[in-house]
């Protein structure tokens, strides 16, 4: 199997990936019905406020982290408020302005836009720095691979996966499926096996998608970050995590929560655990566990989005690090001061990596 896209790294140097997620751009001027948004939401999410609500924090985190590659784990736009595709087009132009390769996947809200999923895919594929490739042979659309090369040597691969679930879409071509389907998993495993054969060694990989799998909840429970029965939503920060920022203190932000600096501080259960959490993660609300499939594909890191106030990176008992990215904008519900991105530093030999929450 061929890789769909690739990026070049500098041999012998660390490689930095920035994860952005859930900016969920809302263009209030495009609401379909006059009572869909409250007056304060209409005022906060005016078309011209996209700079303040999304672009300013994203620009700040890019400038701070100086990434070699940017991944976006879904919900770029709240598609219900972008039927024209205007918000997505603006976001694409914004990302292209940095001249950095970027690789997005769809979330559960992106494909709600009436412009249609094929039009959205074409917009992404036409952007020169965007690595997105629409899949034509499996469930969903945002399924593609990105290889990291050191010279001619493939050192790591990213599996960009569509977790589907866009129930609010009107486009009949939008996949009506919850989570990743068997054919997507078969593609990931098949690609990993093909790469192993081509390179005479397993190639370590990251799996990147929107809706978490239950492996993440299991890892949090095992680490003591959530009770086994899921009753404790938790309001805590893992010791060593970056403090909250007040970049959005003056931003009109309906639906914010103010627990940016919770009093409860937990020690990291494993080296490298970090993050902030103030959201219940309930079994049965997320994708089925995929640990065995990830391991079969040589995946050692999983990066997700979807839950805006859960931003934890935790090592699972399976040896995989599960990371829920930091929300990258002030649209929809969020915690004030917990806005930014997630920095992934891949070691010079590409065999190890570290994760850091970046609040701007």
Foldseek 3Di string as FASTA:
>chain_A
DDALAEAEDAFLFWAKEWEAEALAQAALVQAPDPPPDDPLQNVQRHPVCCCVFFVVQAVVQCVVQVHQEYEYAENPHQQNRCLPCPSVLVVLVSVLVVVHAYEYEYDLRNQQHVVGDVVSQVSQVPRPRYSFDFDDPAAATRFGKYFYDHVPRTAEMETEDEQFNNVNHPHPPRGPDGGGDPVSLVVLLVVQVVVCVVRVHGHEYEYGHAFDACLVVQQCCVLVNAPPQQPDQDFEWEPPADQFDQSCVVRSFPQEDASRDPPHYHYGSDPQKTDGTRGGDHPPPTHYDDLVSCVSSNYQEYEYEDDARGFIWGQGPSNHIYGYWHHRGRPHYHYRRRHHIKMWIQHSSRPDIHIGRDTD
